Each structure stands twice: as structure tokens, then as C-alpha cells.
Amino acid sequence: MHDRGRPWTHIEHLEAIRHGLLLGQISKKRLSDIVKALAQQREKNIDPALIEIINDIELRAKVELAKLEMIG
């Protein structure tokens, strides 16, 4: 799914979240890693449309992370 030699694309981050949620197997660490990676990508981009996409994916990851933290 992911070539370790290149950075993840925004779509791959979103797909990882979706896949993990469908299987009920996404970890807090995985979501935290995605949030961190997206924050780093946001800093490198000046395209407002791309930043908006990054923000949307990051928000989704944070919502799912909060849900997991509520469950325990």
C-alpha cells in the first residue's frame, strides 16, 4: 500500500483512516502519527486549496482519536 521511500499522499492518509475505521482496527498511535504528518505537510504548503484538504483530513483524524480516547 505504501512505498517507504516516499512521503504519504493526503489521499493515502485519508484511506488509512477509512480502512482502519471499517475494520475497527485503527490505533491511537496510528491516528496521532497521521495528525503529526499532516501538520508537517501543512507547514510545507502554501496552496490554500491543499491546506484546506490537509485541515479536513487532520480534523477527521482528531475526531476519531477523540472517540478512541473516550472509549478508553
PDB file of N, CA and C in Angstrom:
ATOM      1  N   MET A   1       0.818  -1.201   0.000  1.00  0.00           N
ATOM      2  CA  MET A   1       0.000   0.000   0.000  1.00  0.00           C
ATOM      3  C   MET A   1       0.857   1.258   0.000  1.00  0.00           C
ATOM      4  N   HIS A   2       1.935   1.246   0.747  1.00  0.00           N
ATOM      5  CA  HIS A   2       2.754   2.456   0.869  1.00  0.00           C
ATOM      6  C   HIS A   2       4.215   2.118   0.611  1.00  0.00           C
ATOM      7  N   ASP A   3       4.812   2.850  -0.292  1.00  0.00           N
ATOM      8  CA  ASP A   3       6.237   2.728  -0.582  1.00  0.00           C
ATOM      9  C   ASP A   3       6.989   3.532   0.472  1.00  0.00           C
ATOM     10  N   ARG A   4       7.810   2.869   1.274  1.00  0.00           N
ATOM     11  CA  ARG A   4       8.520   3.538   2.372  1.00  0.00           C
ATOM     12  C   ARG A   4       9.490   4.607   1.875  1.00  0.00           C
ATOM     13  N   GLY A   5       9.800   4.615   0.598  1.00  0.00           N
ATOM     14  CA  GLY A   5      10.761   5.566   0.065  1.00  0.00           C
ATOM     15  C   GLY A   5      10.191   6.937  -0.269  1.00  0.00           C
ATOM     16  N   ARG A   6       8.887   7.109  -0.152  1.00  0.00           N
ATOM     17  CA  ARG A   6       8.290   8.408  -0.480  1.00  0.00           C
ATOM     18  C   ARG A   6       7.267   8.791   0.583  1.00  0.00           C
ATOM     19  N   PRO A   7       7.036  10.077   0.728  1.00  0.00           N
ATOM     20  CA  PRO A   7       6.056  10.530   1.723  1.00  0.00           C
ATOM     21  C   PRO A   7       4.646  10.089   1.346  1.00  0.00           C
ATOM     22  N   TRP A   8       3.825   9.934   2.335  1.00  0.00           N
ATOM     23  CA  TRP A   8       2.424   9.590   2.096  1.00  0.00           C
ATOM     24  C   TRP A   8       1.706  10.763   1.461  1.00  0.00           C
ATOM     25  N   THR A   9       0.814  10.447   0.549  1.00  0.00           N
ATOM     26  CA  THR A   9      -0.029  11.494  -0.020  1.00  0.00           C
ATOM     27  C   THR A   9      -1.211  11.731   0.913  1.00  0.00           C
ATOM     28  N   HIS A  10      -1.880  12.826   0.714  1.00  0.00           N
ATOM     29  CA  HIS A  10      -3.046  13.152   1.540  1.00  0.00           C
ATOM     30  C   HIS A  10      -4.128  12.092   1.368  1.00  0.00           C
ATOM     31  N   ILE A  11      -4.294  11.598   0.173  1.00  0.00           N
ATOM     32  CA  ILE A  11      -5.293  10.562  -0.088  1.00  0.00           C
ATOM     33  C   ILE A  11      -4.941   9.286   0.667  1.00  0.00           C
ATOM     34  N   GLU A  12      -3.667   8.951   0.734  1.00  0.00           N
ATOM     35  CA  GLU A  12      -3.256   7.754   1.470  1.00  0.00           C
ATOM     36  C   GLU A  12      -3.547   7.895   2.961  1.00  0.00           C
ATOM     37  N   HIS A  13      -3.366   9.087   3.515  1.00  0.00           N
ATOM     38  CA  HIS A  13      -3.705   9.305   4.924  1.00  0.00           C
ATOM     39  C   HIS A  13      -5.204   9.094   5.140  1.00  0.00           C
ATOM     40  N   LEU A  14      -6.005   9.680   4.275  1.00  0.00           N
ATOM     41  CA  LEU A  14      -7.450   9.548   4.389  1.00  0.00           C
ATOM     42  C   LEU A  14      -7.872   8.089   4.214  1.00  0.00           C
ATOM     43  N   GLU A  15      -7.273   7.409   3.270  1.00  0.00           N
ATOM     44  CA  GLU A  15      -7.575   5.996   3.027  1.00  0.00           C
ATOM     45  C   GLU A  15      -7.176   5.141   4.230  1.00  0.00           C
ATOM     46  N   ALA A  16      -6.058   5.447   4.863  1.00  0.00           N
ATOM     47  CA  ALA A  16      -5.621   4.700   6.048  1.00  0.00           C
ATOM     48  C   ALA A  16      -6.633   4.855   7.180  1.00  0.00           C
ATOM     49  N   ILE A  17      -7.148   6.067   7.357  1.00  0.00           N
ATOM     50  CA  ILE A  17      -8.164   6.300   8.385  1.00  0.00           C
ATOM     51  C   ILE A  17      -9.427   5.509   8.044  1.00  0.00           C
ATOM     52  N   ARG A  18      -9.880   5.620   6.819  1.00  0.00           N
ATOM     53  CA  ARG A  18     -11.105   4.929   6.385  1.00  0.00           C
ATOM     54  C   ARG A  18     -10.977   3.421   6.558  1.00  0.00           C
ATOM     55  N   HIS A  19      -9.865   2.882   6.098  1.00  0.00           N
ATOM     56  CA  HIS A  19      -9.633   1.441   6.175  1.00  0.00           C
ATOM     57  C   HIS A  19      -9.616   0.974   7.634  1.00  0.00           C
ATOM     58  N   GLY A  20      -8.905   1.703   8.469  1.00  0.00           N
ATOM     59  CA  GLY A  20      -8.838   1.348   9.885  1.00  0.00           C
ATOM     60  C   GLY A  20     -10.188   1.410  10.562  1.00  0.00           C
ATOM     61  N   LEU A  21     -10.990   2.404  10.211  1.00  0.00           N
ATOM     62  CA  LEU A  21     -12.320   2.532  10.808  1.00  0.00           C
ATOM     63  C   LEU A  21     -13.237   1.402  10.354  1.00  0.00           C
ATOM     64  N   LEU A  22     -13.161   1.052   9.074  1.00  0.00           N
ATOM     65  CA  LEU A  22     -14.003  -0.029   8.560  1.00  0.00           C
ATOM     66  C   LEU A  22     -13.688  -1.351   9.242  1.00  0.00           C
ATOM     67  N   LEU A  23     -12.407  -1.573   9.513  1.00  0.00           N
ATOM     68  CA  LEU A  23     -12.000  -2.813  10.171  1.00  0.00           C
ATOM     69  C   LEU A  23     -12.103  -2.727  11.691  1.00  0.00           C
ATOM     70  N   GLY A  24     -12.317  -1.520  12.196  1.00  0.00           N
ATOM     71  CA  GLY A  24     -12.345  -1.328  13.644  1.00  0.00           C
ATOM     72  C   GLY A  24     -10.988  -1.545  14.274  1.00  0.00           C
ATOM     73  N   GLN A  25      -9.937  -1.271  13.515  1.00  0.00           N
ATOM     74  CA  GLN A  25      -8.589  -1.582  13.969  1.00  0.00           C
ATOM     75  C   GLN A  25      -7.621  -0.416  13.820  1.00  0.00           C
ATOM     76  N   ILE A  26      -8.075   0.787  13.985  1.00  0.00           N
ATOM     77  CA  ILE A  26      -7.142   1.905  13.879  1.00  0.00           C
ATOM     78  C   ILE A  26      -6.696   2.280  15.287  1.00  0.00           C
ATOM     79  N   SER A  27      -5.413   2.393  15.467  1.00  0.00           N
ATOM     80  CA  SER A  27      -4.879   2.654  16.804  1.00  0.00           C
ATOM     81  C   SER A  27      -4.731   4.149  17.065  1.00  0.00           C
ATOM     82  N   LYS A  28      -4.656   4.476  18.350  1.00  0.00           N
ATOM     83  CA  LYS A  28      -4.419   5.867  18.732  1.00  0.00           C
ATOM     84  C   LYS A  28      -3.089   6.340  18.164  1.00  0.00           C
ATOM     85  N   LYS A  29      -2.082   5.467  18.215  1.00  0.00           N
ATOM     86  CA  LYS A  29      -0.756   5.837  17.707  1.00  0.00           C
ATOM     87  C   LYS A  29      -0.824   6.138  16.217  1.00  0.00           C
ATOM     88  N   ARG A  30      -1.526   5.308  15.482  1.00  0.00           N
ATOM     89  CA  ARG A  30      -1.655   5.500  14.023  1.00  0.00           C
ATOM     90  C   ARG A  30      -2.306   6.853  13.720  1.00  0.00           C
ATOM     91  N   LEU A  31      -3.381   7.154  14.428  1.00  0.00           N
ATOM     92  CA  LEU A  31      -4.054   8.437  14.218  1.00  0.00           C
ATOM     93  C   LEU A  31      -3.157   9.601  14.616  1.00  0.00           C
ATOM     94  N   SER A  32      -2.452   9.462  15.728  1.00  0.00           N
ATOM     95  CA  SER A  32      -1.531  10.521  16.166  1.00  0.00           C
ATOM     96  C   SER A  32      -0.429  10.743  15.141  1.00  0.00           C
ATOM     97  N   ASP A  33       0.090   9.645  14.591  1.00  0.00           N
ATOM     98  CA  ASP A  33       1.133   9.755  13.565  1.00  0.00           C
ATOM     99  C   ASP A  33       0.613  10.483  12.327  1.00  0.00           C
ATOM    100  N   ILE A  34      -0.621  10.182  11.939  1.00  0.00           N
ATOM    101  CA  ILE A  34      -1.221  10.843  10.781  1.00  0.00           C
ATOM    102  C   ILE A  34      -1.390  12.335  11.050  1.00  0.00           C
ATOM    103  N   VAL A  35      -1.864  12.688  12.246  1.00  0.00           N
ATOM    104  CA  VAL A  35      -2.040  14.099  12.606  1.00  0.00           C
ATOM    105  C   VAL A  35      -0.700  14.830  12.544  1.00  0.00           C
ATOM    106  N   LYS A  36       0.349  14.218  13.074  1.00  0.00           N
ATOM    107  CA  LYS A  36       1.686  14.838  13.056  1.00  0.00           C
ATOM    108  C   LYS A  36       2.188  15.017  11.625  1.00  0.00           C
ATOM    109  N   ALA A  37       2.015  13.985  10.806  1.00  0.00           N
ATOM    110  CA  ALA A  37       2.477  14.057   9.418  1.00  0.00           C
ATOM    111  C   ALA A  37       1.741  15.152   8.651  1.00  0.00           C
ATOM    112  N   LEU A  38       0.454  15.266   8.888  1.00  0.00           N
ATOM    113  CA  LEU A  38      -0.327  16.302   8.205  1.00  0.00           C
ATOM    114  C   LEU A  38       0.093  17.696   8.646  1.00  0.00           C
ATOM    115  N   ALA A  39       0.390  17.861   9.929  1.00  0.00           N
ATOM    116  CA  ALA A  39       0.846  19.165  10.422  1.00  0.00           C
ATOM    117  C   ALA A  39       2.155  19.554   9.742  1.00  0.00           C
ATOM    118  N   GLN A  40       3.047  18.586   9.563  1.00  0.00           N
ATOM    119  CA  GLN A  40       4.317  18.857   8.880  1.00  0.00           C
ATOM    120  C   GLN A  40       4.075  19.220   7.421  1.00  0.00           C
ATOM    121  N   GLN A  41       3.149  18.530   6.776  1.00  0.00           N
ATOM    122  CA  GLN A  41       2.854  18.813   5.374  1.00  0.00           C
ATOM    123  C   GLN A  41       2.214  20.187   5.219  1.00  0.00           C
ATOM    124  N   ARG A  42       1.391  20.582   6.180  1.00  0.00           N
ATOM    125  CA  ARG A  42       0.755  21.894   6.121  1.00  0.00           C
ATOM    126  C   ARG A  42       1.812  22.988   6.134  1.00  0.00           C
ATOM    127  N   GLU A  43       2.838  22.818   6.959  1.00  0.00           N
ATOM    128  CA  GLU A  43       3.906  23.817   7.054  1.00  0.00           C
ATOM    129  C   GLU A  43       4.661  23.984   5.739  1.00  0.00           C
ATOM    130  N   LYS A  44       4.710  22.934   4.932  1.00  0.00           N
ATOM    131  CA  LYS A  44       5.471  22.954   3.681  1.00  0.00           C
ATOM    132  C   LYS A  44       4.659  23.473   2.496  1.00  0.00           C
ATOM    133  N   ASN A  45       3.354  23.649   2.667  1.00  0.00           N
ATOM    134  CA  ASN A  45       2.485  24.018   1.545  1.00  0.00           C
ATOM    135  C   ASN A  45       1.958  25.433   1.688  1.00  0.00           C
ATOM    136  N   ILE A  46       1.878  26.119   0.559  1.00  0.00           N
ATOM    137  CA  ILE A  46       1.300  27.460   0.561  1.00  0.00           C
ATOM    138  C   ILE A  46       0.022  27.522  -0.274  1.00  0.00           C
ATOM    139  N   ASP A  47      -0.312  26.421  -0.923  1.00  0.00           N
ATOM    140  CA  ASP A  47      -1.525  26.360  -1.735  1.00  0.00           C
ATOM    141  C   ASP A  47      -2.743  26.295  -0.806  1.00  0.00           C
ATOM    142  N   PRO A  48      -3.581  27.333  -0.801  1.00  0.00           N
ATOM    143  CA  PRO A  48      -4.730  27.365   0.109  1.00  0.00           C
ATOM    144  C   PRO A  48      -5.680  26.171  -0.057  1.00  0.00           C
ATOM    145  N   ALA A  49      -5.874  25.710  -1.276  1.00  0.00           N
ATOM    146  CA  ALA A  49      -6.764  24.570  -1.505  1.00  0.00           C
ATOM    147  C   ALA A  49      -6.191  23.304  -0.872  1.00  0.00           C
ATOM    148  N   LEU A  50      -4.888  23.118  -1.005  1.00  0.00           N
ATOM    149  CA  LEU A  50      -4.244  21.947  -0.421  1.00  0.00           C
ATOM    150  C   LEU A  50      -4.250  22.025   1.102  1.00  0.00           C
ATOM    151  N   ILE A  51      -4.029  23.198   1.634  1.00  0.00           N
ATOM    152  CA  ILE A  51      -4.068  23.381   3.089  1.00  0.00           C
ATOM    153  C   ILE A  51      -5.468  23.061   3.614  1.00  0.00           C
ATOM    154  N   GLU A  52      -6.494  23.435   2.878  1.00  0.00           N
ATOM    155  CA  GLU A  52      -7.868  23.130   3.286  1.00  0.00           C
ATOM    156  C   GLU A  52      -8.101  21.617   3.331  1.00  0.00           C
ATOM    157  N   ILE A  53      -7.580  20.902   2.345  1.00  0.00           N
ATOM    158  CA  ILE A  53      -7.703  19.443   2.317  1.00  0.00           C
ATOM    159  C   ILE A  53      -6.960  18.831   3.504  1.00  0.00           C
ATOM    160  N   ILE A  54      -5.750  19.306   3.747  1.00  0.00           N
ATOM    161  CA  ILE A  54      -4.965  18.818   4.883  1.00  0.00           C
ATOM    162  C   ILE A  54      -5.738  19.056   6.183  1.00  0.00           C
ATOM    163  N   ASN A  55      -6.305  20.242   6.327  1.00  0.00           N
ATOM    164  CA  ASN A  55      -7.071  20.562   7.531  1.00  0.00           C
ATOM    165  C   ASN A  55      -8.263  19.627   7.707  1.00  0.00           C
ATOM    166  N   ASP A  56      -8.959  19.324   6.620  1.00  0.00           N
ATOM    167  CA  ASP A  56     -10.118  18.426   6.688  1.00  0.00           C
ATOM    168  C   ASP A  56      -9.709  17.020   7.118  1.00  0.00           C
ATOM    169  N   ILE A  57      -8.629  16.507   6.543  1.00  0.00           N
ATOM    170  CA  ILE A  57      -8.164  15.166   6.899  1.00  0.00           C
ATOM    171  C   ILE A  57      -7.683  15.148   8.346  1.00  0.00           C
ATOM    172  N   GLU A  58      -6.966  16.188   8.737  1.00  0.00           N
ATOM    173  CA  GLU A  58      -6.467  16.270  10.109  1.00  0.00           C
ATOM    174  C   GLU A  58      -7.633  16.322  11.102  1.00  0.00           C
ATOM    175  N   LEU A  59      -8.669  17.075  10.783  1.00  0.00           N
ATOM    176  CA  LEU A  59      -9.843  17.152  11.650  1.00  0.00           C
ATOM    177  C   LEU A  59     -10.487  15.777  11.802  1.00  0.00           C
ATOM    178  N   ARG A  60     -10.633  15.057  10.698  1.00  0.00           N
ATOM    179  CA  ARG A  60     -11.219  13.706  10.738  1.00  0.00           C
ATOM    180  C   ARG A  60     -10.396  12.805  11.651  1.00  0.00           C
ATOM    181  N   ALA A  61      -9.071  12.866  11.520  1.00  0.00           N
ATOM    182  CA  ALA A  61      -8.196  12.042  12.355  1.00  0.00           C
ATOM    183  C   ALA A  61      -8.337  12.424  13.826  1.00  0.00           C
ATOM    184  N   LYS A  62      -8.420  13.715  14.114  1.00  0.00           N
ATOM    185  CA  LYS A  62      -8.561  14.173  15.501  1.00  0.00           C
ATOM    186  C   LYS A  62      -9.902  13.747  16.095  1.00  0.00           C
ATOM    187  N   VAL A  63     -10.957  13.792  15.308  1.00  0.00           N
ATOM    188  CA  VAL A  63     -12.273  13.349  15.781  1.00  0.00           C
ATOM    189  C   VAL A  63     -12.223  11.867  16.135  1.00  0.00           C
ATOM    190  N   GLU A  64     -11.644  11.071  15.254  1.00  0.00           N
ATOM    191  CA  GLU A  64     -11.558   9.634  15.514  1.00  0.00           C
ATOM    192  C   GLU A  64     -10.651   9.347  16.712  1.00  0.00           C
ATOM    193  N   LEU A  65      -9.590  10.107  16.863  1.00  0.00           N
ATOM    194  CA  LEU A  65      -8.697   9.958  18.011  1.00  0.00           C
ATOM    195  C   LEU A  65      -9.453  10.277  19.303  1.00  0.00           C
ATOM    196  N   ALA A  66     -10.243  11.334  19.299  1.00  0.00           N
ATOM    197  CA  ALA A  66     -11.036  11.695  20.479  1.00  0.00           C
ATOM    198  C   ALA A  66     -12.038  10.593  20.823  1.00  0.00           C
ATOM    199  N   LYS A  67     -12.647  10.001  19.804  1.00  0.00           N
ATOM    200  CA  LYS A  67     -13.582   8.896  20.045  1.00  0.00           C
ATOM    201  C   LYS A  67     -12.872   7.726  20.723  1.00  0.00           C
ATOM    202  N   LEU A  68     -11.691   7.383  20.228  1.00  0.00           N
ATOM    203  CA  LEU A  68     -10.930   6.284  20.822  1.00  0.00           C
ATOM    204  C   LEU A  68     -10.545   6.592  22.262  1.00  0.00           C
ATOM    205  N   GLU A  69     -10.188   7.828  22.532  1.00  0.00           N
ATOM    206  CA  GLU A  69      -9.802   8.210  23.886  1.00  0.00           C
ATOM    207  C   GLU A  69     -10.998   8.152  24.833  1.00  0.00           C
ATOM    208  N   MET A  70     -12.190   8.436  24.350  1.00  0.00           N
ATOM    209  CA  MET A  70     -13.395   8.351  25.182  1.00  0.00           C
ATOM    210  C   MET A  70     -13.717   6.898  25.532  1.00  0.00           C
ATOM    211  N   ILE A  71     -13.454   6.004  24.589  1.00  0.00           N
ATOM    212  CA  ILE A  71     -13.730   4.582  24.802  1.00  0.00           C
ATOM    213  C   ILE A  71     -12.754   3.995  25.826  1.00  0.00           C
ATOM    214  N   GLY A  72     -11.531   4.492  25.767  1.00  0.00           N
ATOM    215  CA  GLY A  72     -10.558   4.026  26.743  1.00  0.00           C
ATOM    216  C   GLY A  72      -9.373   3.489  26.166  1.00  0.00           C
TER     217      GLY A  72
END
